[in-house]
Amino acid sequence: MKPEALLYSTPRGLYCERGDFYIDPVQPVERALITHGHADHARSGHAKVLATRETLDIMRIRYGEDFCGTAESSELGKVLSIDGVDVSFHPAGHVLGSAQILVQAEGTRIVVSGDYKRRRDPTCAGFEPVPCDVFITEATFGLPVFHHPDDRGEIAKLLTSLKQFPERTHLVGAYALGKAQRVIALLRESGYHEPIFIHGALAKLCGYYQQHGISLGELRPATVDSSERQSFAGKIVIGPPSAFADRWARRFPDPIAIFASGWMLVRQRAKQRGVELPMIISDHCDWPELLATIKEVAPSQVWVTHGREEALVRWCELQGIPARPLHLVGYEDEGD
């Protein structure tokens, strides 16, 4: 079977006509397979959803109990048959519950990576290479300029700043799902055991991570009024990036604006956001990791989606690997 007959792109997302299902559709559909819980991949309103148990739980936290008509969970590695098409979920290393989806029929194997990373993350299972004929890879940081530094060094920058400026609040912007919990866990591994204060938007997801045995230490709500301002001096406060534009962020004493993102490698992006201390911590692969993953998976073809597609397609062609961009729309950088 030709890969294009098994899975192809449509305005709603990747579609398997033979199994009549979509993967990470951007519009409500009858049957959706979801790679992970970020809002650009996991939308509400589908009639049927198949995903890992953690991803389904995260969707409930974000959208409510009625986020879909019928929800079915899949264990990692378990093969399910959907109208003659075999599908299975495999760890992607992106956030808790994230998975690649293997679609196979008549000897043709296609892996949809979703979003993934290769670096160790104490808050989720690591990426598992899955042999396949076609590897559909993201390319969020698919340019040779992106070489992300070691996470521990970025955390060390924050801890050094705490010692240098004990009178200032260290206000960290981190996405609510995955990035915030990872930053907290990395801080704990680096020996920081003081209470960490979190925005209300992070509370339910942090609680869910803790229920799964992921140690985040003592977390306290980052609520503040005029009488409490100075109590946050020398403390770490974590909130979603959107909160930095709110009055909430201006309530803290002389805050240092920090943002944890792979995009902080681009100085202009940090400047535009008013970031004083950029932390280059990404939940996606950088350029060398993308190349290493393709070499390790060793597919016959590579399809590239949502990111800097052209550079990665060109690299594959130079390696003798047929490749093409999918030009899927509707995917953002929520988990960068």
C-alpha atoms as a PDB file:
ATOM      1  CA  MET A   1       0.000   0.000   0.000  1.00  0.00           C
ATOM      2  CA  LYS A   2       1.269   3.458  -0.858  1.00  0.00           C
ATOM      3  CA  PRO A   3       1.605   5.642   2.261  1.00  0.00           C
ATOM      4  CA  GLU A   4      -0.598   8.350   0.701  1.00  0.00           C
ATOM      5  CA  ALA A   5      -3.430   5.811   0.455  1.00  0.00           C
ATOM      6  CA  LEU A   6      -3.186   5.147   4.200  1.00  0.00           C
ATOM      7  CA  LEU A   7      -2.809   8.675   5.566  1.00  0.00           C
ATOM      8  CA  TYR A   8      -3.021  12.084   3.941  1.00  0.00           C
ATOM      9  CA  SER A   9      -3.503  15.718   4.909  1.00  0.00           C
ATOM     10  CA  THR A  10      -6.849  17.530   4.731  1.00  0.00           C
ATOM     11  CA  PRO A  11      -8.034  20.944   5.975  1.00  0.00           C
ATOM     12  CA  ARG A  12      -9.182  19.195   9.162  1.00  0.00           C
ATOM     13  CA  GLY A  13      -5.854  17.436   9.736  1.00  0.00           C
ATOM     14  CA  LEU A  14      -4.228  14.097   8.943  1.00  0.00           C
ATOM     15  CA  TYR A  15      -6.887  11.642   7.785  1.00  0.00           C
ATOM     16  CA  CYS A  16      -6.950   7.858   7.460  1.00  0.00           C
ATOM     17  CA  GLU A  17      -9.797   7.147   5.067  1.00  0.00           C
ATOM     18  CA  ARG A  18      -9.515   3.396   5.425  1.00  0.00           C
ATOM     19  CA  GLY A  19      -9.985   3.596   9.208  1.00  0.00           C
ATOM     20  CA  ASP A  20     -12.129   6.744   9.012  1.00  0.00           C
ATOM     21  CA  PHE A  21     -10.245   8.656  11.689  1.00  0.00           C
ATOM     22  CA  TYR A  22      -8.216  11.838  12.009  1.00  0.00           C
ATOM     23  CA  ILE A  23      -5.047  12.464  14.009  1.00  0.00           C
ATOM     24  CA  ASP A  24      -4.984  15.743  15.983  1.00  0.00           C
ATOM     25  CA  PRO A  25      -7.756  17.313  13.868  1.00  0.00           C
ATOM     26  CA  VAL A  26      -8.169  21.084  14.065  1.00  0.00           C
ATOM     27  CA  GLN A  27     -11.970  20.870  13.711  1.00  0.00           C
ATOM     28  CA  PRO A  28     -14.560  18.598  15.383  1.00  0.00           C
ATOM     29  CA  VAL A  29     -14.745  15.182  13.687  1.00  0.00           C
ATOM     30  CA  GLU A  30     -16.467  11.838  14.222  1.00  0.00           C
ATOM     31  CA  ARG A  31     -13.326  10.005  15.397  1.00  0.00           C
ATOM     32  CA  ALA A  32     -10.081  11.620  16.569  1.00  0.00           C
ATOM     33  CA  LEU A  33      -6.804  10.113  17.723  1.00  0.00           C
ATOM     34  CA  ILE A  34      -4.934  12.635  19.895  1.00  0.00           C
ATOM     35  CA  THR A  35      -1.166  12.682  20.441  1.00  0.00           C
ATOM     36  CA  HIS A  36      -1.085  14.944  23.527  1.00  0.00           C
ATOM     37  CA  GLY A  37      -3.004  17.488  25.554  1.00  0.00           C
ATOM     38  CA  HIS A  38      -1.792  20.833  24.189  1.00  0.00           C
ATOM     39  CA  ALA A  39      -4.706  22.856  22.878  1.00  0.00           C
ATOM     40  CA  ASP A  40      -3.422  23.068  19.295  1.00  0.00           C
ATOM     41  CA  HIS A  41      -3.500  19.263  19.061  1.00  0.00           C
ATOM     42  CA  ALA A  42      -6.271  18.347  21.513  1.00  0.00           C
ATOM     43  CA  ARG A  43      -9.472  20.204  20.757  1.00  0.00           C
ATOM     44  CA  SER A  44     -12.896  19.585  22.237  1.00  0.00           C
ATOM     45  CA  GLY A  45     -16.068  18.675  20.362  1.00  0.00           C
ATOM     46  CA  HIS A  46     -15.129  15.351  18.727  1.00  0.00           C
ATOM     47  CA  ALA A  47     -17.681  12.525  18.803  1.00  0.00           C
ATOM     48  CA  LYS A  48     -15.082   9.874  19.686  1.00  0.00           C
ATOM     49  CA  VAL A  49     -11.565  10.350  21.051  1.00  0.00           C
ATOM     50  CA  LEU A  50      -8.795   7.780  21.425  1.00  0.00           C
ATOM     51  CA  ALA A  51      -5.684   8.806  23.384  1.00  0.00           C
ATOM     52  CA  THR A  52      -3.549   7.797  26.345  1.00  0.00           C
ATOM     53  CA  ARG A  53      -5.281   7.897  29.699  1.00  0.00           C
ATOM     54  CA  GLU A  54      -3.209  10.892  30.795  1.00  0.00           C
ATOM     55  CA  THR A  55      -4.085  12.872  27.666  1.00  0.00           C
ATOM     56  CA  LEU A  56      -7.790  12.169  28.186  1.00  0.00           C
ATOM     57  CA  ASP A  57      -7.510  13.307  31.818  1.00  0.00           C
ATOM     58  CA  ILE A  58      -5.719  16.478  30.754  1.00  0.00           C
ATOM     59  CA  MET A  59      -8.436  17.202  28.198  1.00  0.00           C
ATOM     60  CA  ARG A  60     -11.044  16.825  30.964  1.00  0.00           C
ATOM     61  CA  ILE A  61      -9.116  19.245  33.172  1.00  0.00           C
ATOM     62  CA  ARG A  62      -8.894  21.794  30.351  1.00  0.00           C
ATOM     63  CA  TYR A  63     -12.324  21.410  28.729  1.00  0.00           C
ATOM     64  CA  GLY A  64     -14.597  19.734  31.261  1.00  0.00           C
ATOM     65  CA  GLU A  65     -16.152  16.274  31.491  1.00  0.00           C
ATOM     66  CA  ASP A  66     -18.126  16.733  28.251  1.00  0.00           C
ATOM     67  CA  PHE A  67     -15.084  17.521  26.073  1.00  0.00           C
ATOM     68  CA  CYS A  68     -16.148  14.746  23.657  1.00  0.00           C
ATOM     69  CA  GLY A  69     -18.928  12.266  23.080  1.00  0.00           C
ATOM     70  CA  THR A  70     -17.045   9.035  23.891  1.00  0.00           C
ATOM     71  CA  ALA A  71     -13.481   8.745  25.218  1.00  0.00           C
ATOM     72  CA  GLU A  72     -11.362   5.591  24.950  1.00  0.00           C
ATOM     73  CA  SER A  73      -7.891   5.215  26.440  1.00  0.00           C
ATOM     74  CA  SER A  74      -5.038   3.254  24.899  1.00  0.00           C
ATOM     75  CA  GLU A  75      -2.103   1.722  26.720  1.00  0.00           C
ATOM     76  CA  LEU A  76       1.325   2.518  25.312  1.00  0.00           C
ATOM     77  CA  GLY A  77       2.413  -0.170  22.868  1.00  0.00           C
ATOM     78  CA  LYS A  78      -0.984  -1.877  22.664  1.00  0.00           C
ATOM     79  CA  VAL A  79      -2.179  -2.489  19.095  1.00  0.00           C
ATOM     80  CA  LEU A  80      -5.814  -1.631  18.365  1.00  0.00           C
ATOM     81  CA  SER A  81      -7.653  -2.339  15.134  1.00  0.00           C
ATOM     82  CA  ILE A  82      -9.899   0.342  13.647  1.00  0.00           C
ATOM     83  CA  ASP A  83     -11.762  -0.960  10.599  1.00  0.00           C
ATOM     84  CA  GLY A  84      -8.772  -3.023   9.518  1.00  0.00           C
ATOM     85  CA  VAL A  85      -6.127  -0.402  10.341  1.00  0.00           C
ATOM     86  CA  ASP A  86      -3.805  -1.152  13.269  1.00  0.00           C
ATOM     87  CA  VAL A  87      -2.883   1.771  15.519  1.00  0.00           C
ATOM     88  CA  SER A  88      -0.683   1.975  18.597  1.00  0.00           C
ATOM     89  CA  PHE A  89       0.612   4.730  20.868  1.00  0.00           C
ATOM     90  CA  HIS A  90       4.306   5.114  21.779  1.00  0.00           C
ATOM     91  CA  PRO A  91       6.073   7.605  24.110  1.00  0.00           C
ATOM     92  CA  ALA A  92       6.933  10.984  22.547  1.00  0.00           C
ATOM     93  CA  GLY A  93       8.772  12.601  25.468  1.00  0.00           C
ATOM     94  CA  HIS A  94       6.919  15.906  25.025  1.00  0.00           C
ATOM     95  CA  VAL A  95       4.625  16.192  28.072  1.00  0.00           C
ATOM     96  CA  LEU A  96       2.859  13.796  30.431  1.00  0.00           C
ATOM     97  CA  GLY A  97       0.801  11.345  28.362  1.00  0.00           C
ATOM     98  CA  SER A  98       2.234  12.462  25.015  1.00  0.00           C
ATOM     99  CA  ALA A  99       2.513   9.813  22.336  1.00  0.00           C
ATOM    100  CA  GLN A 100       3.506   9.131  18.787  1.00  0.00           C
ATOM    101  CA  ILE A 101       0.873   7.209  16.851  1.00  0.00           C
ATOM    102  CA  LEU A 102       1.836   4.263  14.635  1.00  0.00           C
ATOM    103  CA  VAL A 103      -0.658   3.606  11.828  1.00  0.00           C
ATOM    104  CA  GLN A 104      -0.199   0.412   9.820  1.00  0.00           C
ATOM    105  CA  ALA A 105      -2.045  -1.604   7.186  1.00  0.00           C
ATOM    106  CA  GLU A 106      -0.951  -4.104   4.523  1.00  0.00           C
ATOM    107  CA  GLY A 107       2.676  -3.857   5.592  1.00  0.00           C
ATOM    108  CA  THR A 108       2.857  -0.045   5.439  1.00  0.00           C
ATOM    109  CA  ARG A 109       3.870   1.688   8.682  1.00  0.00           C
ATOM    110  CA  ILE A 110       3.488   5.428   9.290  1.00  0.00           C
ATOM    111  CA  VAL A 111       4.496   7.097  12.542  1.00  0.00           C
ATOM    112  CA  VAL A 112       2.913  10.451  13.412  1.00  0.00           C
ATOM    113  CA  SER A 113       5.273  11.993  15.947  1.00  0.00           C
ATOM    114  CA  GLY A 114       3.005  14.766  17.180  1.00  0.00           C
ATOM    115  CA  ASP A 115       5.325  17.002  19.208  1.00  0.00           C
ATOM    116  CA  TYR A 116       8.366  15.308  20.701  1.00  0.00           C
ATOM    117  CA  LYS A 117      11.735  15.879  22.337  1.00  0.00           C
ATOM    118  CA  ARG A 118      14.791  13.708  22.985  1.00  0.00           C
ATOM    119  CA  ARG A 119      16.142  15.228  26.195  1.00  0.00           C
ATOM    120  CA  ARG A 120      15.546  13.697  29.580  1.00  0.00           C
ATOM    121  CA  ASP A 121      12.477  15.071  31.298  1.00  0.00           C
ATOM    122  CA  PRO A 122      11.708  14.043  34.914  1.00  0.00           C
ATOM    123  CA  THR A 123       7.991  14.668  34.327  1.00  0.00           C
ATOM    124  CA  CYS A 124       7.215  12.307  31.433  1.00  0.00           C
ATOM    125  CA  ALA A 125       8.296   9.118  29.650  1.00  0.00           C
ATOM    126  CA  GLY A 126      11.142   9.511  27.172  1.00  0.00           C
ATOM    127  CA  PHE A 127      10.827   9.311  23.378  1.00  0.00           C
ATOM    128  CA  GLU A 128      10.776   5.801  21.925  1.00  0.00           C
ATOM    129  CA  PRO A 129      12.087   5.375  18.340  1.00  0.00           C
ATOM    130  CA  VAL A 130       9.595   3.344  16.299  1.00  0.00           C
ATOM    131  CA  PRO A 131      10.730   1.767  13.000  1.00  0.00           C
ATOM    132  CA  CYS A 132       8.505   2.822  10.115  1.00  0.00           C
ATOM    133  CA  ASP A 133       8.251   3.432   6.389  1.00  0.00           C
ATOM    134  CA  VAL A 134       7.157   7.051   6.814  1.00  0.00           C
ATOM    135  CA  PHE A 135       8.103   9.266   9.742  1.00  0.00           C
ATOM    136  CA  ILE A 136       5.933  12.359  10.108  1.00  0.00           C
ATOM    137  CA  THR A 137       8.037  14.770  12.123  1.00  0.00           C
ATOM    138  CA  GLU A 138       7.366  18.200  13.523  1.00  0.00           C
ATOM    139  CA  ALA A 139       9.913  20.916  12.758  1.00  0.00           C
ATOM    140  CA  THR A 140       9.209  23.622  15.342  1.00  0.00           C
ATOM    141  CA  PHE A 141      12.939  24.312  15.619  1.00  0.00           C
ATOM    142  CA  GLY A 142      13.822  22.947  12.200  1.00  0.00           C
ATOM    143  CA  LEU A 143      16.612  25.375  11.320  1.00  0.00           C
ATOM    144  CA  PRO A 144      20.374  24.817  11.737  1.00  0.00           C
ATOM    145  CA  VAL A 145      20.623  27.870  14.005  1.00  0.00           C
ATOM    146  CA  PHE A 146      18.734  26.090  16.790  1.00  0.00           C
ATOM    147  CA  HIS A 147      21.181  24.371  19.139  1.00  0.00           C
ATOM    148  CA  HIS A 148      19.630  24.456  22.602  1.00  0.00           C
ATOM    149  CA  PRO A 149      21.937  24.452  25.649  1.00  0.00           C
ATOM    150  CA  ASP A 150      21.835  22.007  28.550  1.00  0.00           C
ATOM    151  CA  ASP A 151      18.717  22.441  30.716  1.00  0.00           C
ATOM    152  CA  ARG A 152      20.724  22.318  33.931  1.00  0.00           C
ATOM    153  CA  GLY A 153      22.760  25.332  32.890  1.00  0.00           C
ATOM    154  CA  GLU A 154      19.576  27.313  32.258  1.00  0.00           C
ATOM    155  CA  ILE A 155      18.217  26.406  35.685  1.00  0.00           C
ATOM    156  CA  ALA A 156      21.573  27.414  37.183  1.00  0.00           C
ATOM    157  CA  LYS A 157      21.131  30.895  35.650  1.00  0.00           C
ATOM    158  CA  LEU A 158      17.877  31.303  37.569  1.00  0.00           C
ATOM    159  CA  LEU A 159      19.380  30.092  40.855  1.00  0.00           C
ATOM    160  CA  THR A 160      22.364  32.406  40.434  1.00  0.00           C
ATOM    161  CA  SER A 161      20.048  35.354  39.873  1.00  0.00           C
ATOM    162  CA  LEU A 162      18.160  34.492  43.069  1.00  0.00           C
ATOM    163  CA  LYS A 163      21.402  34.810  45.026  1.00  0.00           C
ATOM    164  CA  GLN A 164      22.398  38.032  43.276  1.00  0.00           C
ATOM    165  CA  PHE A 165      19.005  39.750  43.632  1.00  0.00           C
ATOM    166  CA  PRO A 166      17.350  38.495  46.842  1.00  0.00           C
ATOM    167  CA  GLU A 167      15.163  41.607  46.994  1.00  0.00           C
ATOM    168  CA  ARG A 168      13.413  40.856  43.673  1.00  0.00           C
ATOM    169  CA  THR A 169      10.647  38.440  42.715  1.00  0.00           C
ATOM    170  CA  HIS A 170      11.720  36.018  40.003  1.00  0.00           C
ATOM    171  CA  LEU A 171       8.668  35.762  37.772  1.00  0.00           C
ATOM    172  CA  VAL A 172       8.929  32.817  35.371  1.00  0.00           C
ATOM    173  CA  GLY A 173       6.676  32.489  32.331  1.00  0.00           C
ATOM    174  CA  ALA A 174       6.123  28.829  31.444  1.00  0.00           C
ATOM    175  CA  TYR A 175       3.327  27.102  29.556  1.00  0.00           C
ATOM    176  CA  ALA A 176       0.726  25.563  31.858  1.00  0.00           C
ATOM    177  CA  LEU A 177       1.026  22.008  30.550  1.00  0.00           C
ATOM    178  CA  GLY A 178       4.450  20.397  30.571  1.00  0.00           C
ATOM    179  CA  LYS A 179       6.828  23.349  30.683  1.00  0.00           C
ATOM    180  CA  ALA A 180       5.798  24.667  34.110  1.00  0.00           C
ATOM    181  CA  GLN A 181       5.990  21.224  35.725  1.00  0.00           C
ATOM    182  CA  ARG A 182       9.307  20.479  34.049  1.00  0.00           C
ATOM    183  CA  VAL A 183      10.870  23.742  35.254  1.00  0.00           C
ATOM    184  CA  ILE A 184       9.677  23.019  38.799  1.00  0.00           C
ATOM    185  CA  ALA A 185      11.032  19.450  38.696  1.00  0.00           C
ATOM    186  CA  LEU A 186      14.390  20.644  37.342  1.00  0.00           C
ATOM    187  CA  LEU A 187      14.602  23.238  40.113  1.00  0.00           C
ATOM    188  CA  ARG A 188      14.009  20.513  42.700  1.00  0.00           C
ATOM    189  CA  GLU A 189      16.679  18.296  41.127  1.00  0.00           C
ATOM    190  CA  SER A 190      19.092  21.238  41.291  1.00  0.00           C
ATOM    191  CA  GLY A 191      18.626  21.483  45.056  1.00  0.00           C
ATOM    192  CA  TYR A 192      16.044  24.269  45.307  1.00  0.00           C
ATOM    193  CA  HIS A 193      13.554  23.150  47.963  1.00  0.00           C
ATOM    194  CA  GLU A 194      11.923  26.430  48.961  1.00  0.00           C
ATOM    195  CA  PRO A 195       8.190  26.842  48.297  1.00  0.00           C
ATOM    196  CA  ILE A 196       7.449  27.767  44.672  1.00  0.00           C
ATOM    197  CA  PHE A 197       4.477  30.015  44.033  1.00  0.00           C
ATOM    198  CA  ILE A 198       2.207  29.280  41.070  1.00  0.00           C
ATOM    199  CA  HIS A 199      -0.519  31.138  39.190  1.00  0.00           C
ATOM    200  CA  GLY A 200      -4.008  29.691  39.569  1.00  0.00           C
ATOM    201  CA  ALA A 201      -3.998  28.572  35.936  1.00  0.00           C
ATOM    202  CA  LEU A 202      -1.298  26.015  36.797  1.00  0.00           C
ATOM    203  CA  ALA A 203      -2.855  24.553  39.934  1.00  0.00           C
ATOM    204  CA  LYS A 204      -5.001  21.736  38.501  1.00  0.00           C
ATOM    205  CA  LEU A 205      -2.357  20.515  36.075  1.00  0.00           C
ATOM    206  CA  CYS A 206       0.395  20.611  38.713  1.00  0.00           C
ATOM    207  CA  GLY A 207      -1.905  18.698  41.028  1.00  0.00           C
ATOM    208  CA  TYR A 208      -2.504  16.102  38.329  1.00  0.00           C
ATOM    209  CA  TYR A 209       1.233  15.644  37.800  1.00  0.00           C
ATOM    210  CA  GLN A 210       1.693  15.186  41.550  1.00  0.00           C
ATOM    211  CA  GLN A 211      -1.080  12.560  41.610  1.00  0.00           C
ATOM    212  CA  HIS A 212       1.031  10.601  39.112  1.00  0.00           C
ATOM    213  CA  GLY A 213       3.976  10.522  41.493  1.00  0.00           C
ATOM    214  CA  ILE A 214       5.930  13.373  39.928  1.00  0.00           C
ATOM    215  CA  SER A 215       7.615  15.239  42.759  1.00  0.00           C
ATOM    216  CA  LEU A 216       7.157  19.007  42.517  1.00  0.00           C
ATOM    217  CA  GLY A 217       7.778  19.853  46.151  1.00  0.00           C
ATOM    218  CA  GLU A 218       5.805  22.488  48.046  1.00  0.00           C
ATOM    219  CA  LEU A 219       3.674  24.670  45.770  1.00  0.00           C
ATOM    220  CA  ARG A 220       1.733  27.669  47.022  1.00  0.00           C
ATOM    221  CA  PRO A 221      -0.786  29.930  45.290  1.00  0.00           C
ATOM    222  CA  ALA A 222       0.735  33.158  43.952  1.00  0.00           C
ATOM    223  CA  THR A 223      -1.972  35.434  45.258  1.00  0.00           C
ATOM    224  CA  VAL A 224      -0.847  38.835  46.481  1.00  0.00           C
ATOM    225  CA  ASP A 225      -2.324  42.065  47.783  1.00  0.00           C
ATOM    226  CA  SER A 226      -0.610  45.302  48.717  1.00  0.00           C
ATOM    227  CA  SER A 227       0.183  44.096  52.245  1.00  0.00           C
ATOM    228  CA  GLU A 228       1.931  40.950  50.984  1.00  0.00           C
ATOM    229  CA  ARG A 229       4.121  42.386  48.232  1.00  0.00           C
ATOM    230  CA  GLN A 230       7.421  42.155  50.082  1.00  0.00           C
ATOM    231  CA  SER A 231       6.830  38.533  51.118  1.00  0.00           C
ATOM    232  CA  PHE A 232       7.560  37.547  47.501  1.00  0.00           C
ATOM    233  CA  ALA A 233      11.014  39.141  47.469  1.00  0.00           C
ATOM    234  CA  GLY A 234      13.592  36.500  46.596  1.00  0.00           C
ATOM    235  CA  LYS A 235      10.888  33.978  45.670  1.00  0.00           C
ATOM    236  CA  ILE A 236      10.194  32.085  42.450  1.00  0.00           C
ATOM    237  CA  VAL A 237       6.737  32.669  40.991  1.00  0.00           C
ATOM    238  CA  ILE A 238       5.615  30.696  37.917  1.00  0.00           C
ATOM    239  CA  GLY A 239       2.714  31.631  35.687  1.00  0.00           C
ATOM    240  CA  PRO A 240       1.535  31.179  32.100  1.00  0.00           C
ATOM    241  CA  PRO A 241       3.055  33.619  29.585  1.00  0.00           C
ATOM    242  CA  SER A 242      -0.349  35.264  29.072  1.00  0.00           C
ATOM    243  CA  ALA A 243      -0.398  36.345  32.718  1.00  0.00           C
ATOM    244  CA  PHE A 244       2.590  38.641  32.160  1.00  0.00           C
ATOM    245  CA  ALA A 245       0.286  41.136  30.437  1.00  0.00           C
ATOM    246  CA  ASP A 246      -2.141  41.128  33.390  1.00  0.00           C
ATOM    247  CA  ARG A 247      -2.212  43.310  36.486  1.00  0.00           C
ATOM    248  CA  TRP A 248      -1.307  40.113  38.376  1.00  0.00           C
ATOM    249  CA  ALA A 249       2.313  40.312  37.216  1.00  0.00           C
ATOM    250  CA  ARG A 250       2.693  43.948  38.281  1.00  0.00           C
ATOM    251  CA  ARG A 251       1.784  43.219  41.889  1.00  0.00           C
ATOM    252  CA  PHE A 252       5.134  41.658  42.761  1.00  0.00           C
ATOM    253  CA  PRO A 253       8.081  43.662  44.132  1.00  0.00           C
ATOM    254  CA  ASP A 254      10.539  44.682  41.400  1.00  0.00           C
ATOM    255  CA  PRO A 255       9.997  41.466  39.389  1.00  0.00           C
ATOM    256  CA  ILE A 256      12.611  39.979  37.095  1.00  0.00           C
ATOM    257  CA  ALA A 257      10.828  38.890  33.931  1.00  0.00           C
ATOM    258  CA  ILE A 258      11.916  35.368  32.942  1.00  0.00           C
ATOM    259  CA  PHE A 259      10.598  33.160  30.154  1.00  0.00           C
ATOM    260  CA  ALA A 260      11.328  29.447  29.693  1.00  0.00           C
ATOM    261  CA  SER A 261      11.186  28.607  25.997  1.00  0.00           C
ATOM    262  CA  GLY A 262      13.289  27.298  23.146  1.00  0.00           C
ATOM    263  CA  TRP A 263      12.536  30.574  21.376  1.00  0.00           C
ATOM    264  CA  MET A 264      14.608  32.442  23.946  1.00  0.00           C
ATOM    265  CA  LEU A 265      17.601  31.489  21.819  1.00  0.00           C
ATOM    266  CA  VAL A 266      16.387  34.266  19.498  1.00  0.00           C
ATOM    267  CA  ARG A 267      17.380  37.492  21.238  1.00  0.00           C
ATOM    268  CA  GLN A 268      14.832  39.567  19.350  1.00  0.00           C
ATOM    269  CA  ARG A 269      12.001  37.380  20.683  1.00  0.00           C
ATOM    270  CA  ALA A 270      13.227  37.867  24.241  1.00  0.00           C
ATOM    271  CA  LYS A 271      13.481  41.615  23.688  1.00  0.00           C
ATOM    272  CA  GLN A 272       9.995  41.821  22.212  1.00  0.00           C
ATOM    273  CA  ARG A 273       8.544  40.066  25.265  1.00  0.00           C
ATOM    274  CA  GLY A 274      10.471  42.286  27.683  1.00  0.00           C
ATOM    275  CA  VAL A 275      12.314  39.280  29.089  1.00  0.00           C
ATOM    276  CA  GLU A 276      15.174  40.175  31.413  1.00  0.00           C
ATOM    277  CA  LEU A 277      16.413  36.628  31.999  1.00  0.00           C
ATOM    278  CA  PRO A 278      15.776  34.244  29.070  1.00  0.00           C
ATOM    279  CA  MET A 279      15.833  30.528  29.922  1.00  0.00           C
ATOM    280  CA  ILE A 280      16.365  28.378  26.818  1.00  0.00           C
ATOM    281  CA  ILE A 281      14.369  25.301  27.818  1.00  0.00           C
ATOM    282  CA  SER A 282      12.439  23.641  25.015  1.00  0.00           C
ATOM    283  CA  ASP A 283       9.909  20.821  24.917  1.00  0.00           C
ATOM    284  CA  HIS A 284      10.770  20.203  21.253  1.00  0.00           C
ATOM    285  CA  CYS A 285      13.872  18.875  19.494  1.00  0.00           C
ATOM    286  CA  ASP A 286      16.498  21.313  18.309  1.00  0.00           C
ATOM    287  CA  TRP A 287      18.129  20.930  14.888  1.00  0.00           C
ATOM    288  CA  PRO A 288      20.772  18.290  15.814  1.00  0.00           C
ATOM    289  CA  GLU A 289      18.150  16.246  17.688  1.00  0.00           C
ATOM    290  CA  LEU A 290      15.774  16.283  14.714  1.00  0.00           C
ATOM    291  CA  LEU A 291      18.540  14.990  12.447  1.00  0.00           C
ATOM    292  CA  ALA A 292      19.642  12.346  14.959  1.00  0.00           C
ATOM    293  CA  THR A 293      16.062  11.130  15.345  1.00  0.00           C
ATOM    294  CA  ILE A 294      15.538  10.720  11.613  1.00  0.00           C
ATOM    295  CA  LYS A 295      18.796   8.781  11.356  1.00  0.00           C
ATOM    296  CA  GLU A 296      17.813   6.550  14.269  1.00  0.00           C
ATOM    297  CA  VAL A 297      14.281   5.834  13.051  1.00  0.00           C
ATOM    298  CA  ALA A 298      15.645   5.263   9.510  1.00  0.00           C
ATOM    299  CA  PRO A 299      12.386   5.720   7.574  1.00  0.00           C
ATOM    300  CA  SER A 300      12.051   5.308   3.824  1.00  0.00           C
ATOM    301  CA  GLN A 301      10.320   8.697   3.655  1.00  0.00           C
ATOM    302  CA  VAL A 302       9.970  11.753   5.878  1.00  0.00           C
ATOM    303  CA  TRP A 303       6.956  14.055   5.905  1.00  0.00           C
ATOM    304  CA  VAL A 304       7.502  17.346   7.732  1.00  0.00           C
ATOM    305  CA  THR A 305       4.836  19.397   9.451  1.00  0.00           C
ATOM    306  CA  HIS A 306       4.104  22.469  11.592  1.00  0.00           C
ATOM    307  CA  GLY A 307       7.370  24.295  11.744  1.00  0.00           C
ATOM    308  CA  ARG A 308      10.329  25.271   9.593  1.00  0.00           C
ATOM    309  CA  GLU A 309       9.572  22.579   7.030  1.00  0.00           C
ATOM    310  CA  GLU A 310      11.735  23.532   4.047  1.00  0.00           C
ATOM    311  CA  ALA A 311      15.151  23.272   5.752  1.00  0.00           C
ATOM    312  CA  LEU A 312      14.469  19.816   7.144  1.00  0.00           C
ATOM    313  CA  VAL A 313      13.040  18.609   3.827  1.00  0.00           C
ATOM    314  CA  ARG A 314      16.186  19.839   2.080  1.00  0.00           C
ATOM    315  CA  TRP A 315      18.474  18.089   4.589  1.00  0.00           C
ATOM    316  CA  CYS A 316      16.597  14.813   4.049  1.00  0.00           C
ATOM    317  CA  GLU A 317      16.940  15.141   0.284  1.00  0.00           C
ATOM    318  CA  LEU A 318      20.699  15.669   0.635  1.00  0.00           C
ATOM    319  CA  GLN A 319      20.841  12.446   2.653  1.00  0.00           C
ATOM    320  CA  GLY A 320      18.975  10.581  -0.077  1.00  0.00           C
ATOM    321  CA  ILE A 321      15.758  10.341   1.963  1.00  0.00           C
ATOM    322  CA  PRO A 322      12.601  11.311   0.034  1.00  0.00           C
ATOM    323  CA  ALA A 323      10.843  14.072   1.971  1.00  0.00           C
ATOM    324  CA  ARG A 324       8.049  16.580   1.587  1.00  0.00           C
ATOM    325  CA  PRO A 325       6.258  19.225   3.637  1.00  0.00           C
ATOM    326  CA  LEU A 326       2.636  18.639   4.640  1.00  0.00           C
ATOM    327  CA  HIS A 327       1.734  22.331   5.162  1.00  0.00           C
ATOM    328  CA  LEU A 328      -0.751  21.521   7.928  1.00  0.00           C
ATOM    329  CA  VAL A 329      -2.337  24.604   9.481  1.00  0.00           C
ATOM    330  CA  GLY A 330      -3.704  25.338  12.934  1.00  0.00           C
ATOM    331  CA  TYR A 331      -0.745  24.244  15.062  1.00  0.00           C
ATOM    332  CA  GLU A 332       0.914  26.780  17.345  1.00  0.00           C
ATOM    333  CA  ASP A 333       3.945  26.866  19.667  1.00  0.00           C
ATOM    334  CA  GLU A 334       2.064  26.222  22.916  1.00  0.00           C
ATOM    335  CA  GLY A 335       4.567  23.707  24.213  1.00  0.00           C
ATOM    336  CA  ASP A 336       7.796  25.333  22.995  1.00  0.00           C
END
